[in-house]
N, C-alpha and C. Protein backbone atom coordinates (compact mmCIF):
# COMPACT_ATOMS: atom_id res chain seq x y z
N MET A 1 -24.96 -0.66 -5.50
CA MET A 1 -23.91 -0.37 -6.15
C MET A 1 -23.15 0.71 -5.38
N LYS A 2 -21.89 0.67 -5.23
CA LYS A 2 -21.12 1.68 -4.58
C LYS A 2 -20.48 2.66 -5.46
N VAL A 3 -20.61 4.01 -5.15
CA VAL A 3 -20.02 5.08 -6.00
C VAL A 3 -19.06 5.72 -5.08
N ALA A 4 -17.92 6.01 -5.71
CA ALA A 4 -16.78 6.65 -4.90
C ALA A 4 -16.25 7.94 -5.61
N LYS A 5 -15.94 8.94 -4.95
CA LYS A 5 -15.19 10.15 -5.56
C LYS A 5 -14.10 10.37 -4.53
N THR A 6 -13.06 10.87 -5.19
CA THR A 6 -11.71 11.37 -4.39
C THR A 6 -11.56 12.73 -4.33
N VAL A 7 -11.32 13.32 -3.17
CA VAL A 7 -11.10 14.70 -2.86
C VAL A 7 -9.62 14.95 -2.46
N ARG A 8 -8.92 15.82 -3.07
CA ARG A 8 -7.59 16.08 -2.86
C ARG A 8 -7.33 17.30 -2.13
N HIS A 9 -6.63 17.07 -0.84
CA HIS A 9 -6.18 18.13 -0.02
C HIS A 9 -4.75 18.41 0.09
N LYS A 10 -4.34 19.52 -0.33
CA LYS A 10 -2.83 19.86 -0.33
C LYS A 10 -2.29 20.11 1.07
N ILE A 11 -1.20 19.41 1.46
CA ILE A 11 -0.67 19.62 2.90
C ILE A 11 0.13 20.91 2.80
N LEU A 12 -0.15 21.80 3.63
CA LEU A 12 0.30 23.24 3.50
C LEU A 12 1.59 23.47 4.38
N ASN A 13 1.72 22.70 5.36
CA ASN A 13 2.88 23.13 6.40
C ASN A 13 4.08 22.11 6.32
N HIS A 14 4.12 21.10 5.38
CA HIS A 14 5.21 20.24 5.32
C HIS A 14 5.46 20.02 3.72
N SER A 15 6.72 19.61 3.34
CA SER A 15 7.11 19.34 2.06
C SER A 15 7.83 17.98 2.04
N SER A 16 9.11 17.97 2.51
CA SER A 16 9.91 16.75 2.38
C SER A 16 9.76 15.88 3.72
N ILE A 17 9.17 16.26 4.69
CA ILE A 17 9.10 15.41 5.83
C ILE A 17 8.70 14.12 5.84
N PHE A 18 7.91 13.75 4.80
CA PHE A 18 7.29 12.45 4.68
C PHE A 18 8.09 11.54 3.66
N ASP A 19 9.13 12.11 3.18
CA ASP A 19 10.07 11.41 2.09
C ASP A 19 10.56 10.08 2.70
N GLU A 20 10.97 10.15 4.01
CA GLU A 20 11.41 8.92 4.58
C GLU A 20 10.41 7.93 4.87
N THR A 21 9.18 8.37 5.28
CA THR A 21 8.17 7.48 5.35
C THR A 21 7.68 6.60 4.19
N ILE A 22 7.80 7.33 2.99
CA ILE A 22 7.57 6.71 1.64
C ILE A 22 8.70 5.81 1.35
N ARG A 23 9.92 6.05 1.66
CA ARG A 23 11.11 5.24 1.39
C ARG A 23 11.01 3.99 2.26
N VAL A 24 10.69 4.02 3.53
CA VAL A 24 10.57 2.89 4.29
C VAL A 24 9.52 1.96 3.99
N TYR A 25 8.33 2.58 3.76
CA TYR A 25 7.19 1.82 3.29
C TYR A 25 7.42 0.97 1.96
N ASN A 26 8.03 1.57 1.06
CA ASN A 26 8.39 0.92 -0.14
C ASN A 26 9.42 -0.20 -0.01
N GLU A 27 10.44 0.00 1.00
CA GLU A 27 11.36 -0.97 1.28
C GLU A 27 10.77 -2.21 1.79
N ALA A 28 9.78 -1.85 2.78
CA ALA A 28 8.96 -3.02 3.47
C ALA A 28 8.18 -3.76 2.30
N LEU A 29 7.57 -2.96 1.49
CA LEU A 29 6.75 -3.60 0.43
C LEU A 29 7.60 -4.55 -0.56
N SER A 30 8.83 -4.16 -0.82
CA SER A 30 9.65 -4.97 -1.57
C SER A 30 10.03 -6.25 -0.87
N PHE A 31 10.24 -6.10 0.38
CA PHE A 31 10.66 -7.28 1.26
C PHE A 31 9.44 -8.20 1.31
N ILE A 32 8.31 -7.81 1.52
CA ILE A 32 7.02 -8.63 1.38
C ILE A 32 6.75 -9.22 0.22
N ILE A 33 7.01 -8.56 -1.02
CA ILE A 33 6.76 -9.17 -2.25
C ILE A 33 7.68 -10.44 -2.37
N GLU A 34 8.93 -10.35 -1.97
CA GLU A 34 9.75 -11.44 -2.19
C GLU A 34 9.28 -12.59 -1.24
N VAL A 35 8.85 -12.28 -0.14
CA VAL A 35 8.46 -13.35 0.78
C VAL A 35 7.21 -14.20 0.21
N ILE A 36 6.14 -13.24 -0.22
CA ILE A 36 5.06 -13.93 -0.91
C ILE A 36 5.33 -14.76 -2.03
N ASP A 37 6.18 -14.22 -2.92
CA ASP A 37 6.63 -14.97 -4.11
C ASP A 37 7.34 -16.30 -3.77
N HIS A 38 8.10 -16.19 -2.84
CA HIS A 38 8.88 -17.47 -2.36
C HIS A 38 8.13 -18.47 -1.55
N GLU A 39 7.12 -17.91 -0.80
CA GLU A 39 6.32 -18.85 0.10
C GLU A 39 5.02 -19.36 -0.49
N VAL A 40 4.49 -18.70 -1.36
CA VAL A 40 3.06 -18.95 -1.73
C VAL A 40 3.02 -19.47 -3.22
N ALA A 41 2.75 -20.67 -3.38
CA ALA A 41 2.73 -21.24 -4.66
C ALA A 41 1.59 -20.83 -5.49
N ASP A 42 0.46 -20.84 -4.93
CA ASP A 42 -0.90 -20.46 -5.61
C ASP A 42 -1.60 -19.29 -4.84
N THR A 43 -1.27 -18.07 -5.31
CA THR A 43 -1.88 -16.97 -4.55
C THR A 43 -3.47 -16.88 -4.78
N ASN A 44 -3.90 -17.52 -5.79
CA ASN A 44 -5.36 -17.51 -6.10
C ASN A 44 -6.23 -18.27 -5.02
N THR A 45 -5.51 -19.00 -4.23
CA THR A 45 -6.24 -19.79 -3.10
C THR A 45 -6.38 -19.03 -1.88
N TYR A 46 -5.98 -17.76 -1.85
CA TYR A 46 -5.94 -16.90 -0.67
C TYR A 46 -6.73 -15.63 -0.92
N SER A 47 -7.40 -15.17 0.17
CA SER A 47 -7.98 -13.85 0.19
C SER A 47 -7.06 -12.98 0.77
N THR A 48 -7.37 -11.58 0.61
CA THR A 48 -6.41 -10.66 1.16
C THR A 48 -6.21 -10.79 2.77
N LYS A 49 -7.27 -11.15 3.32
CA LYS A 49 -7.27 -11.26 4.84
C LYS A 49 -6.44 -12.48 5.20
N GLU A 50 -6.62 -13.63 4.44
CA GLU A 50 -5.85 -14.86 4.63
C GLU A 50 -4.36 -14.61 4.35
N MET A 51 -4.10 -13.96 3.33
CA MET A 51 -2.69 -13.61 3.12
C MET A 51 -2.01 -12.67 4.13
N THR A 52 -2.82 -11.77 4.69
CA THR A 52 -2.31 -10.89 5.71
C THR A 52 -2.04 -11.65 6.93
N ASN A 53 -2.92 -12.61 7.35
CA ASN A 53 -2.71 -13.46 8.51
C ASN A 53 -1.39 -14.38 8.31
N LEU A 54 -1.33 -14.94 7.07
CA LEU A 54 -0.14 -15.79 6.74
C LEU A 54 1.21 -14.93 6.82
N MET A 55 1.33 -13.72 6.14
CA MET A 55 2.44 -13.00 6.17
C MET A 55 2.92 -12.59 7.59
N GLU A 56 1.78 -12.26 8.37
CA GLU A 56 2.22 -11.76 9.65
C GLU A 56 2.76 -12.86 10.60
N ARG A 57 2.34 -13.96 10.34
CA ARG A 57 2.98 -15.15 10.98
C ARG A 57 4.38 -15.31 10.57
N LEU A 58 4.63 -15.11 9.29
CA LEU A 58 5.94 -15.29 8.70
C LEU A 58 6.96 -14.28 9.00
N ILE A 59 6.54 -12.99 9.16
CA ILE A 59 7.48 -11.92 9.24
C ILE A 59 7.37 -10.99 10.56
N HIS A 60 6.35 -11.24 11.38
CA HIS A 60 6.21 -10.32 12.49
C HIS A 60 6.21 -11.19 13.80
N ALA A 61 7.07 -10.72 14.71
CA ALA A 61 7.26 -11.45 16.02
C ALA A 61 6.21 -10.81 17.02
N THR A 62 5.57 -11.66 17.75
CA THR A 62 4.63 -11.45 18.93
C THR A 62 4.89 -12.26 19.94
N LYS A 63 4.16 -12.05 21.06
CA LYS A 63 4.17 -13.04 22.24
C LYS A 63 3.81 -14.34 21.74
N SER A 64 2.77 -14.50 21.02
CA SER A 64 2.28 -15.76 20.57
C SER A 64 2.92 -16.23 19.44
N ASN A 65 3.81 -15.43 18.76
CA ASN A 65 4.59 -15.78 17.65
C ASN A 65 6.03 -15.24 17.58
N PRO A 66 6.81 -15.75 18.57
CA PRO A 66 8.15 -15.11 18.93
C PRO A 66 9.21 -15.31 17.88
N ASN A 67 9.04 -16.38 17.15
CA ASN A 67 10.12 -16.71 16.23
C ASN A 67 9.63 -16.86 14.83
N PRO A 68 9.20 -15.78 14.10
CA PRO A 68 8.85 -15.92 12.81
C PRO A 68 9.95 -16.42 11.81
N LYS A 69 9.63 -16.91 10.74
CA LYS A 69 10.61 -17.38 9.77
C LYS A 69 11.52 -16.26 9.31
N TYR A 70 10.99 -15.07 9.03
CA TYR A 70 11.71 -14.01 8.49
C TYR A 70 11.96 -12.92 9.56
N THR A 71 12.80 -13.24 10.47
CA THR A 71 13.08 -12.37 11.75
C THR A 71 13.69 -11.02 11.23
N GLU A 72 14.32 -10.99 10.12
CA GLU A 72 14.93 -9.83 9.62
C GLU A 72 13.94 -8.64 9.41
N PHE A 73 12.72 -8.94 9.15
CA PHE A 73 11.72 -7.91 8.88
C PHE A 73 11.70 -6.90 10.11
N ASN A 74 11.41 -7.54 11.32
CA ASN A 74 11.32 -6.60 12.46
C ASN A 74 12.55 -5.98 12.75
N GLN A 75 13.81 -6.62 12.37
CA GLN A 75 15.08 -5.84 12.58
C GLN A 75 15.30 -4.76 11.66
N ARG A 76 14.80 -4.89 10.35
CA ARG A 76 15.01 -3.77 9.46
C ARG A 76 14.06 -2.82 9.65
N PHE A 77 12.80 -3.25 10.03
CA PHE A 77 11.72 -2.23 10.14
C PHE A 77 11.13 -2.19 11.51
N TYR A 78 12.10 -1.69 12.31
CA TYR A 78 11.79 -1.56 13.83
C TYR A 78 10.65 -0.61 14.08
N LYS A 79 9.58 -1.15 14.88
CA LYS A 79 8.51 -0.46 15.36
C LYS A 79 7.69 0.03 14.12
N PHE A 80 7.76 -0.67 13.05
CA PHE A 80 6.88 -0.46 11.82
C PHE A 80 5.44 -0.51 12.26
N PRO A 81 4.60 0.48 12.00
CA PRO A 81 3.27 0.54 12.46
C PRO A 81 2.45 -0.65 11.93
N SER A 82 1.61 -1.30 12.86
CA SER A 82 0.80 -2.54 12.23
C SER A 82 -0.05 -2.20 11.09
N TYR A 83 -0.66 -1.08 10.99
CA TYR A 83 -1.59 -0.94 9.87
C TYR A 83 -0.65 -0.50 8.61
N PHE A 84 0.39 0.03 8.71
CA PHE A 84 1.20 0.18 7.64
C PHE A 84 1.86 -1.19 7.12
N ARG A 85 2.05 -2.08 7.98
CA ARG A 85 2.48 -3.44 7.57
C ARG A 85 1.41 -4.18 6.75
N ARG A 86 0.13 -4.12 7.37
CA ARG A 86 -1.05 -4.71 6.77
C ARG A 86 -1.30 -4.17 5.36
N ALA A 87 -1.20 -2.84 5.31
CA ALA A 87 -1.31 -2.08 3.94
C ALA A 87 -0.35 -2.63 2.87
N ALA A 88 0.87 -2.69 3.37
CA ALA A 88 2.01 -3.26 2.47
C ALA A 88 1.72 -4.67 2.15
N ILE A 89 1.29 -5.45 2.96
CA ILE A 89 1.00 -6.85 2.66
C ILE A 89 -0.08 -6.99 1.55
N ALA A 90 -1.18 -6.17 1.72
CA ALA A 90 -2.28 -6.19 0.78
C ALA A 90 -1.80 -5.68 -0.58
N THR A 91 -0.88 -4.63 -0.63
CA THR A 91 -0.44 -4.15 -1.90
C THR A 91 0.69 -5.10 -2.46
N ALA A 92 1.46 -5.73 -1.65
CA ALA A 92 2.35 -6.69 -2.23
C ALA A 92 1.68 -7.86 -2.83
N PHE A 93 0.69 -8.44 -2.12
CA PHE A 93 -0.28 -9.51 -2.52
C PHE A 93 -0.74 -9.16 -3.93
N GLY A 94 -1.39 -8.03 -4.14
CA GLY A 94 -1.83 -7.55 -5.45
C GLY A 94 -0.80 -7.48 -6.59
N LYS A 95 0.40 -7.09 -6.22
CA LYS A 95 1.49 -7.00 -7.22
C LYS A 95 1.99 -8.42 -7.54
N VAL A 96 1.93 -9.35 -6.55
CA VAL A 96 2.47 -10.62 -6.99
C VAL A 96 1.50 -11.35 -7.88
N LYS A 97 0.18 -11.25 -7.48
CA LYS A 97 -0.96 -11.83 -8.31
C LYS A 97 -0.80 -11.24 -9.68
N SER A 98 -0.71 -9.93 -9.84
CA SER A 98 -0.62 -9.27 -11.22
C SER A 98 0.58 -9.75 -12.08
N TYR A 99 1.68 -9.93 -11.38
CA TYR A 99 2.84 -10.44 -12.12
C TYR A 99 2.66 -11.85 -12.54
N ARG A 100 2.14 -12.65 -11.65
CA ARG A 100 1.93 -14.14 -12.06
C ARG A 100 0.90 -14.31 -13.10
N SER A 101 -0.21 -13.35 -13.17
CA SER A 101 -1.18 -13.44 -14.17
C SER A 101 -0.54 -13.03 -15.50
N LEU A 102 0.24 -11.99 -15.34
CA LEU A 102 0.99 -11.50 -16.71
C LEU A 102 1.90 -12.58 -17.22
N ARG A 103 2.48 -13.41 -16.36
CA ARG A 103 3.41 -14.42 -16.70
C ARG A 103 2.65 -15.61 -17.42
N GLU A 104 1.53 -15.93 -16.77
CA GLU A 104 0.72 -17.07 -17.28
C GLU A 104 0.13 -16.74 -18.69
N ASN A 105 -0.22 -15.51 -18.84
CA ASN A 105 -0.75 -15.08 -20.13
C ASN A 105 0.35 -15.23 -21.24
N TRP A 106 1.58 -14.67 -20.68
CA TRP A 106 2.75 -14.90 -21.57
C TRP A 106 3.09 -16.24 -22.03
N GLU A 107 3.00 -17.26 -21.07
CA GLU A 107 3.21 -18.60 -21.43
C GLU A 107 2.24 -19.27 -22.36
N THR A 108 0.95 -18.84 -22.05
CA THR A 108 -0.20 -19.23 -22.99
C THR A 108 0.03 -18.71 -24.43
N GLU A 109 0.42 -17.45 -24.54
CA GLU A 109 0.58 -16.87 -25.92
C GLU A 109 1.78 -17.48 -26.53
N LYS A 110 2.71 -17.74 -25.81
CA LYS A 110 3.92 -18.56 -26.40
C LYS A 110 3.64 -19.80 -26.86
N GLN A 111 2.79 -20.60 -26.09
CA GLN A 111 2.48 -21.85 -26.42
C GLN A 111 1.66 -22.01 -27.63
N VAL A 112 0.69 -21.01 -27.75
CA VAL A 112 -0.20 -20.94 -28.97
C VAL A 112 0.63 -20.54 -30.22
N ALA A 113 1.46 -19.67 -29.97
CA ALA A 113 2.38 -19.22 -31.23
C ALA A 113 3.12 -20.41 -31.77
N LEU A 114 3.89 -21.00 -30.73
CA LEU A 114 4.72 -22.28 -31.28
C LEU A 114 3.84 -23.32 -31.85
N GLU A 115 2.77 -23.68 -31.29
CA GLU A 115 1.96 -24.60 -31.77
C GLU A 115 1.34 -24.40 -33.25
N ASN A 116 1.32 -23.14 -33.50
CA ASN A 116 0.87 -22.68 -34.90
C ASN A 116 2.10 -22.31 -35.78
N GLY A 117 3.28 -22.59 -35.38
CA GLY A 117 4.50 -22.41 -36.16
C GLY A 117 4.87 -20.93 -36.35
N ARG A 118 4.46 -20.06 -35.36
CA ARG A 118 4.76 -18.74 -35.50
C ARG A 118 5.95 -18.33 -34.62
N LYS A 119 6.59 -17.27 -34.93
CA LYS A 119 7.79 -16.77 -34.12
C LYS A 119 7.11 -16.18 -32.82
N PHE A 120 7.79 -16.25 -31.70
CA PHE A 120 7.19 -15.51 -30.43
C PHE A 120 8.50 -14.69 -29.98
N ASN A 121 8.43 -13.55 -30.07
CA ASN A 121 9.52 -12.60 -29.59
C ASN A 121 9.17 -11.84 -28.40
N LYS A 122 7.88 -11.97 -27.98
CA LYS A 122 7.52 -11.11 -26.79
C LYS A 122 8.28 -11.43 -25.47
N GLN A 123 8.88 -10.52 -24.74
CA GLN A 123 9.61 -10.74 -23.68
C GLN A 123 8.84 -11.27 -22.49
N LEU A 124 9.54 -12.05 -21.72
CA LEU A 124 8.87 -12.54 -20.47
C LEU A 124 8.69 -11.46 -19.48
N PRO A 125 7.50 -11.33 -18.86
CA PRO A 125 7.31 -10.23 -17.87
C PRO A 125 8.28 -10.41 -16.62
N THR A 126 8.76 -9.37 -16.21
CA THR A 126 9.66 -9.42 -15.08
C THR A 126 9.11 -8.97 -13.68
N LYS A 127 9.53 -9.63 -12.68
CA LYS A 127 8.96 -9.25 -11.31
C LYS A 127 9.65 -7.97 -10.85
N ARG A 128 8.93 -7.01 -10.67
CA ARG A 128 9.45 -5.73 -10.13
C ARG A 128 9.58 -5.76 -8.58
N LEU A 129 10.64 -5.42 -7.95
CA LEU A 129 10.77 -5.30 -6.59
C LEU A 129 10.88 -3.94 -6.10
N THR A 130 11.26 -2.94 -6.95
CA THR A 130 11.43 -1.64 -6.66
C THR A 130 10.04 -0.91 -7.01
N HIS A 131 9.40 -0.23 -6.05
CA HIS A 131 8.18 0.44 -6.36
C HIS A 131 8.30 1.78 -5.78
N LYS A 132 7.29 2.64 -6.16
CA LYS A 132 7.03 3.92 -5.54
C LYS A 132 5.47 3.96 -5.30
N GLU A 133 5.26 3.32 -4.27
CA GLU A 133 3.59 3.25 -3.78
C GLU A 133 3.47 4.23 -2.67
N PHE A 134 2.25 4.69 -2.51
CA PHE A 134 1.99 5.69 -1.50
C PHE A 134 0.94 4.97 -0.47
N PRO A 135 1.21 5.07 0.76
CA PRO A 135 0.46 4.32 1.74
C PRO A 135 -0.92 4.93 2.08
N VAL A 136 -1.96 4.03 2.45
CA VAL A 136 -3.17 4.43 3.09
C VAL A 136 -2.93 4.82 4.52
N LEU A 137 -3.48 5.81 5.08
CA LEU A 137 -3.37 6.13 6.44
C LEU A 137 -4.60 5.77 7.23
N TYR A 138 -4.63 4.73 7.90
CA TYR A 138 -5.85 4.29 8.55
C TYR A 138 -6.16 5.10 9.68
N LYS A 139 -7.43 5.53 9.80
CA LYS A 139 -7.86 6.42 10.86
C LYS A 139 -7.76 5.75 12.14
N GLY A 140 -7.28 6.66 13.01
CA GLY A 140 -6.99 6.11 14.42
C GLY A 140 -5.65 5.63 14.68
N ASN A 141 -5.11 5.08 13.66
CA ASN A 141 -3.70 4.36 13.73
C ASN A 141 -2.62 5.14 13.10
N MET A 142 -3.03 5.74 11.92
CA MET A 142 -1.94 6.44 11.10
C MET A 142 -2.51 7.91 10.92
N PHE A 143 -3.88 8.11 11.12
CA PHE A 143 -4.36 9.46 10.88
C PHE A 143 -5.47 9.84 11.81
N LYS A 144 -5.17 10.95 12.58
CA LYS A 144 -6.24 11.49 13.50
C LYS A 144 -6.64 12.82 13.10
N ARG A 145 -7.75 13.06 12.57
CA ARG A 145 -8.24 14.33 12.23
C ARG A 145 -8.60 15.17 13.36
N THR A 146 -8.08 16.40 13.58
CA THR A 146 -8.35 17.30 14.57
C THR A 146 -9.31 18.42 14.35
N SER A 147 -9.60 18.67 13.08
CA SER A 147 -10.45 19.68 12.60
C SER A 147 -10.72 19.41 11.12
N ASP A 148 -11.48 20.36 10.52
CA ASP A 148 -11.68 20.35 9.08
C ASP A 148 -10.49 20.37 8.22
N THR A 149 -9.53 21.02 8.81
CA THR A 149 -8.26 21.38 8.07
C THR A 149 -6.95 20.94 8.77
N THR A 150 -6.95 20.24 9.80
CA THR A 150 -5.77 19.84 10.54
C THR A 150 -5.92 18.29 10.99
N ALA A 151 -4.82 17.71 11.09
CA ALA A 151 -4.80 16.31 11.55
C ALA A 151 -3.44 16.00 12.03
N PHE A 152 -3.26 14.77 12.69
CA PHE A 152 -2.00 14.13 13.07
C PHE A 152 -1.81 13.01 12.15
N VAL A 153 -0.59 12.86 11.56
CA VAL A 153 -0.22 11.74 10.69
C VAL A 153 1.01 11.02 11.27
N LYS A 154 0.96 9.73 11.24
CA LYS A 154 2.13 8.98 11.80
C LYS A 154 3.18 8.96 10.62
N ALA A 155 4.39 9.34 11.08
CA ALA A 155 5.61 9.36 10.05
C ALA A 155 6.78 8.93 10.60
N PHE A 156 7.68 8.58 9.65
CA PHE A 156 8.95 8.13 10.03
C PHE A 156 10.05 9.29 9.94
N VAL A 157 10.41 9.77 11.29
CA VAL A 157 11.22 10.98 11.22
C VAL A 157 12.30 10.71 12.32
N LYS A 158 13.71 10.86 11.82
CA LYS A 158 14.80 10.67 12.65
C LYS A 158 14.76 9.34 13.15
N ASN A 159 14.57 8.30 12.42
CA ASN A 159 14.58 6.81 12.74
C ASN A 159 13.58 6.49 13.84
N ASP A 160 12.56 7.14 13.83
CA ASP A 160 11.41 6.78 14.79
C ASP A 160 10.12 7.14 14.17
N TRP A 161 9.00 6.45 14.64
CA TRP A 161 7.67 6.74 14.20
C TRP A 161 7.08 7.62 15.19
N VAL A 162 6.59 8.73 14.70
CA VAL A 162 6.21 9.91 15.55
C VAL A 162 4.88 10.47 14.84
N TRP A 163 4.09 11.14 15.55
CA TRP A 163 2.85 11.86 15.08
C TRP A 163 3.35 13.19 14.73
N ILE A 164 3.09 13.57 13.42
CA ILE A 164 3.25 14.86 12.75
C ILE A 164 1.90 15.63 12.65
N ASP A 165 1.99 16.90 13.12
CA ASP A 165 0.81 17.65 12.91
C ASP A 165 0.76 18.25 11.33
N VAL A 166 -0.45 18.17 10.57
CA VAL A 166 -0.47 18.64 9.30
C VAL A 166 -1.66 19.59 9.13
N VAL A 167 -1.45 20.60 8.35
CA VAL A 167 -2.56 21.53 7.98
C VAL A 167 -2.73 21.36 6.53
N PHE A 168 -4.01 21.17 6.18
CA PHE A 168 -4.24 20.97 4.74
C PHE A 168 -5.40 21.83 4.21
N ARG A 169 -5.19 22.03 2.82
CA ARG A 169 -6.25 22.96 2.25
C ARG A 169 -7.60 22.45 2.27
N PRO A 170 -8.58 23.27 2.68
CA PRO A 170 -9.96 22.74 2.73
C PRO A 170 -10.63 22.62 1.37
N GLN A 171 -11.73 21.73 1.34
CA GLN A 171 -12.35 21.55 0.06
C GLN A 171 -13.85 21.71 0.51
N ASP A 172 -14.58 22.31 -0.46
CA ASP A 172 -15.99 22.44 -0.22
C ASP A 172 -16.80 21.13 -0.57
N LEU A 173 -16.98 20.38 0.35
CA LEU A 173 -17.64 18.88 0.17
C LEU A 173 -18.88 19.06 -0.36
N PHE A 174 -19.72 20.16 -0.16
CA PHE A 174 -21.04 20.27 -0.55
C PHE A 174 -20.89 20.56 -2.17
N LYS A 175 -20.09 21.49 -2.58
CA LYS A 175 -19.87 21.67 -4.01
C LYS A 175 -19.44 20.28 -4.72
N ARG A 176 -18.63 19.57 -4.11
CA ARG A 176 -18.11 18.35 -4.58
C ARG A 176 -19.18 17.20 -4.58
N GLY A 177 -20.34 17.36 -3.92
CA GLY A 177 -21.36 16.57 -3.90
C GLY A 177 -21.17 15.37 -2.97
N VAL A 178 -20.29 15.49 -1.90
CA VAL A 178 -19.91 14.35 -1.11
C VAL A 178 -20.21 14.62 0.30
N HIS A 179 -20.92 15.82 0.69
CA HIS A 179 -20.88 16.20 2.11
C HIS A 179 -21.66 15.26 2.96
N GLU A 180 -22.45 14.41 2.48
CA GLU A 180 -23.22 13.29 3.19
C GLU A 180 -22.68 11.90 2.94
N TRP A 181 -21.66 11.80 2.21
CA TRP A 181 -21.08 10.54 1.86
C TRP A 181 -20.12 9.99 3.03
N LYS A 182 -19.88 8.74 2.91
CA LYS A 182 -18.96 8.12 4.04
C LYS A 182 -17.47 8.54 3.55
N GLU A 183 -16.71 9.00 4.49
CA GLU A 183 -15.36 9.49 4.39
C GLU A 183 -14.45 8.20 4.63
N CYS A 184 -13.66 7.77 3.60
CA CYS A 184 -12.79 6.66 3.84
C CYS A 184 -11.36 7.02 4.32
N ASN A 185 -10.60 6.06 4.52
CA ASN A 185 -9.14 6.35 5.04
C ASN A 185 -8.37 7.16 4.00
N PRO A 186 -7.61 8.26 4.38
CA PRO A 186 -6.90 9.00 3.34
C PRO A 186 -5.67 8.20 2.84
N LYS A 187 -5.15 8.90 1.68
CA LYS A 187 -3.92 8.21 1.14
C LYS A 187 -3.03 9.29 1.02
N LEU A 188 -1.68 9.07 1.66
CA LEU A 188 -0.63 10.09 1.37
C LEU A 188 0.11 10.04 0.10
N VAL A 189 -0.11 11.15 -0.72
CA VAL A 189 0.44 11.14 -2.07
C VAL A 189 1.35 12.29 -2.36
N LYS A 190 2.46 11.97 -3.00
CA LYS A 190 3.35 13.15 -3.35
C LYS A 190 3.17 13.51 -5.00
N GLN A 191 3.09 14.55 -5.14
CA GLN A 191 2.96 15.11 -6.58
C GLN A 191 3.78 16.25 -6.75
N GLY A 192 4.97 16.04 -7.55
CA GLY A 192 5.99 17.08 -7.61
C GLY A 192 6.78 17.19 -6.37
N LYS A 193 6.85 18.24 -5.72
CA LYS A 193 7.47 18.40 -4.44
C LYS A 193 6.50 18.43 -3.36
N LYS A 194 5.23 18.38 -3.51
CA LYS A 194 4.16 18.65 -2.54
C LYS A 194 3.57 17.26 -2.14
N TYR A 195 3.13 17.29 -0.92
CA TYR A 195 2.36 16.16 -0.52
C TYR A 195 0.89 16.54 -0.44
N PHE A 196 -0.07 15.50 -0.64
CA PHE A 196 -1.46 15.72 -0.57
C PHE A 196 -2.13 14.43 0.14
N LEU A 197 -3.24 14.85 0.77
CA LEU A 197 -4.05 13.76 1.34
C LEU A 197 -5.24 13.53 0.34
N HIS A 198 -5.27 12.36 -0.28
CA HIS A 198 -6.29 11.92 -1.18
C HIS A 198 -7.36 11.18 -0.35
N VAL A 199 -8.59 11.76 -0.24
CA VAL A 199 -9.64 11.25 0.53
C VAL A 199 -10.72 10.74 -0.32
N SER A 200 -11.05 9.42 -0.25
CA SER A 200 -12.14 8.93 -0.96
C SER A 200 -13.53 9.12 -0.18
N TYR A 201 -14.59 9.30 -0.85
CA TYR A 201 -15.89 9.25 -0.28
C TYR A 201 -16.76 8.32 -0.97
N GLU A 202 -17.56 7.52 -0.32
CA GLU A 202 -18.41 6.47 -0.90
C GLU A 202 -19.81 6.67 -0.43
N GLN A 203 -20.66 6.10 -1.46
CA GLN A 203 -22.15 6.10 -1.28
C GLN A 203 -22.79 4.95 -1.90
N GLN A 204 -23.71 4.34 -1.30
CA GLN A 204 -24.45 3.21 -1.86
C GLN A 204 -25.60 3.82 -2.69
N VAL A 205 -25.71 3.50 -3.96
CA VAL A 205 -26.82 3.96 -4.79
C VAL A 205 -27.59 2.71 -5.42
């Protein structure tokens, strides 16, 4: 069994610089949700990896895939980092599956109610396109730790993706009981007006 704990590090030297990164990430997420919902009839037949491969063929132009069906993705999200794109695809996939599951449950409840002569006033679940999700920062591609309290984070600044140096508050991993655990990719999270790095630590027990 795998056990996980999350440690929160407050970013000390930046406040609003990541706002545009979060905005662009969520716009890309909304775009991908619409593509998945339009293109995939049965999400249950796909794994996350299979869905990622499918979506990349549909939205991302490469030398071997020069004319994807949705060329506007690369136009709207120019130089969008590959690991951000894959994180957005995985999140969008989960949201479409969740929406469809809620809709199927609603349809089942409605059918049962009508078959038993009962009124059914429950509203049909709606597909949300606007979200406020926070991205995972994949090590090496979006996050490069330079010390126990500093790192470089890839961010969208002045219409370009650049590396930003961050200083974050240290945590005593020994007191938290995770000093020998595996460190996972951090997540960039905003709480109030401050940004934090949420880092999960895992251990097999």
